[in-house]
Every structure is written in C-alpha cells, then in structure tokens.
C-alpha cells in the first residue's frame, strides 16, 4: 500500500471543532489516533474529552490535503486557521503555527540562548545528588534486593531497577521473581531485604 503524505483532520460533526495534523503516512496515523482515542489514551486531552462525551459516531477521520513532504508544515498552518482546534498551541507549534522541527539556530541565536541561561543553575555536587537520590527512593519506598545463586554468592542491590540492569532482564521479570511467580533470574534467586 502506498503511503499518503498530507494533512488530516479528526472532525467533530456536532461542534465542527477539529484536531489537525500532518503525516508522511496519513492512513496509518489516523488509525493510530483512532486506536488511542478508543483506549482513552490520546495525547490531546481536549480531543479525548470530546470523544468520551460525544462518542465515536460524532467524529470523522479525513484526509484533507495531499502534498509534498516539504510543504506539510505550510499547509498544516493554513488549515489550522480554517478550524476551531482541539490542538493546543504546544501541539500546533508557535503562535504563527510554524513548527520548529529541524530548526537550525544561527550562531548568534545560540550565543543569546547560552547567555540567557548563565547563572540559572549550578552543577550539582555528587554529595547533593546522592542525598536527593536517597530521598526520592525513600519517598518511592524503593526496597533493596539481594540475589543469591545457591553457591554462597550473594549480591546486594539498592533497587529492582539495579538488578534489572545488572542481569539484563526486564523489571517485570525481577518483580515476578520477587513475588514468587518466577523461580529465578538467570540462575539467581531474588528477595527483598
């Protein structure tokens, strides 16, 4: 199937409000939006709320314009002006609806950014970072874990994440072993300390 490059819309037939987007594979992108809306997990909160309130029957998913890849942003900006949007400014881009994707700052602009950032934050010392780490772990109630291999070797880790990274296994596998759903992790038994 040929990919369609263009601008699409998800339009509320009742209010005529729309979510507008651009894609180099419009049909796949529309399927993705529909899947996320049905699951209640769409990134655009306003669109998701309208979907939940009005139901899928009120929405149409349309290809609005086919264009060359290099013209996507231009046409998307023009189409934005024709609709009352669910898209927030953050999703749509800047106030004039020009996206900053791939924008290259001039050396002068880079220097201005550097100068404006000076003095705002100082590098954190290792001691401060460690204190913050300990406080966050306590707040999250992270428990230390011990691994034993049955041959008398025991390894102590500060968290499940550390075990996961050390053994190269998923956090879910570590959790399953700690809760008795799985016998061992690559020959190691795990338990909370």
Foldseek 3Di string as FASTA:
>chain_A
DDAFWAKKWKAQQVVRAIAIDTDSRLVVVLVVQVVCLVVLRHPLVQVSVCCVVPPPVRIDIGGDDTDDPVCHQVVSLVVPVVHNYSDDCVRQDHPSSHHCVPPDDDPVVVVVVVVVCPPPDDDDDPVRVVVVVVVVCVVVVFFKKWKDQVPPDIDIGRHLVVVCVVLVHDSVVSVCQQVVVDVARVRIRMYTD
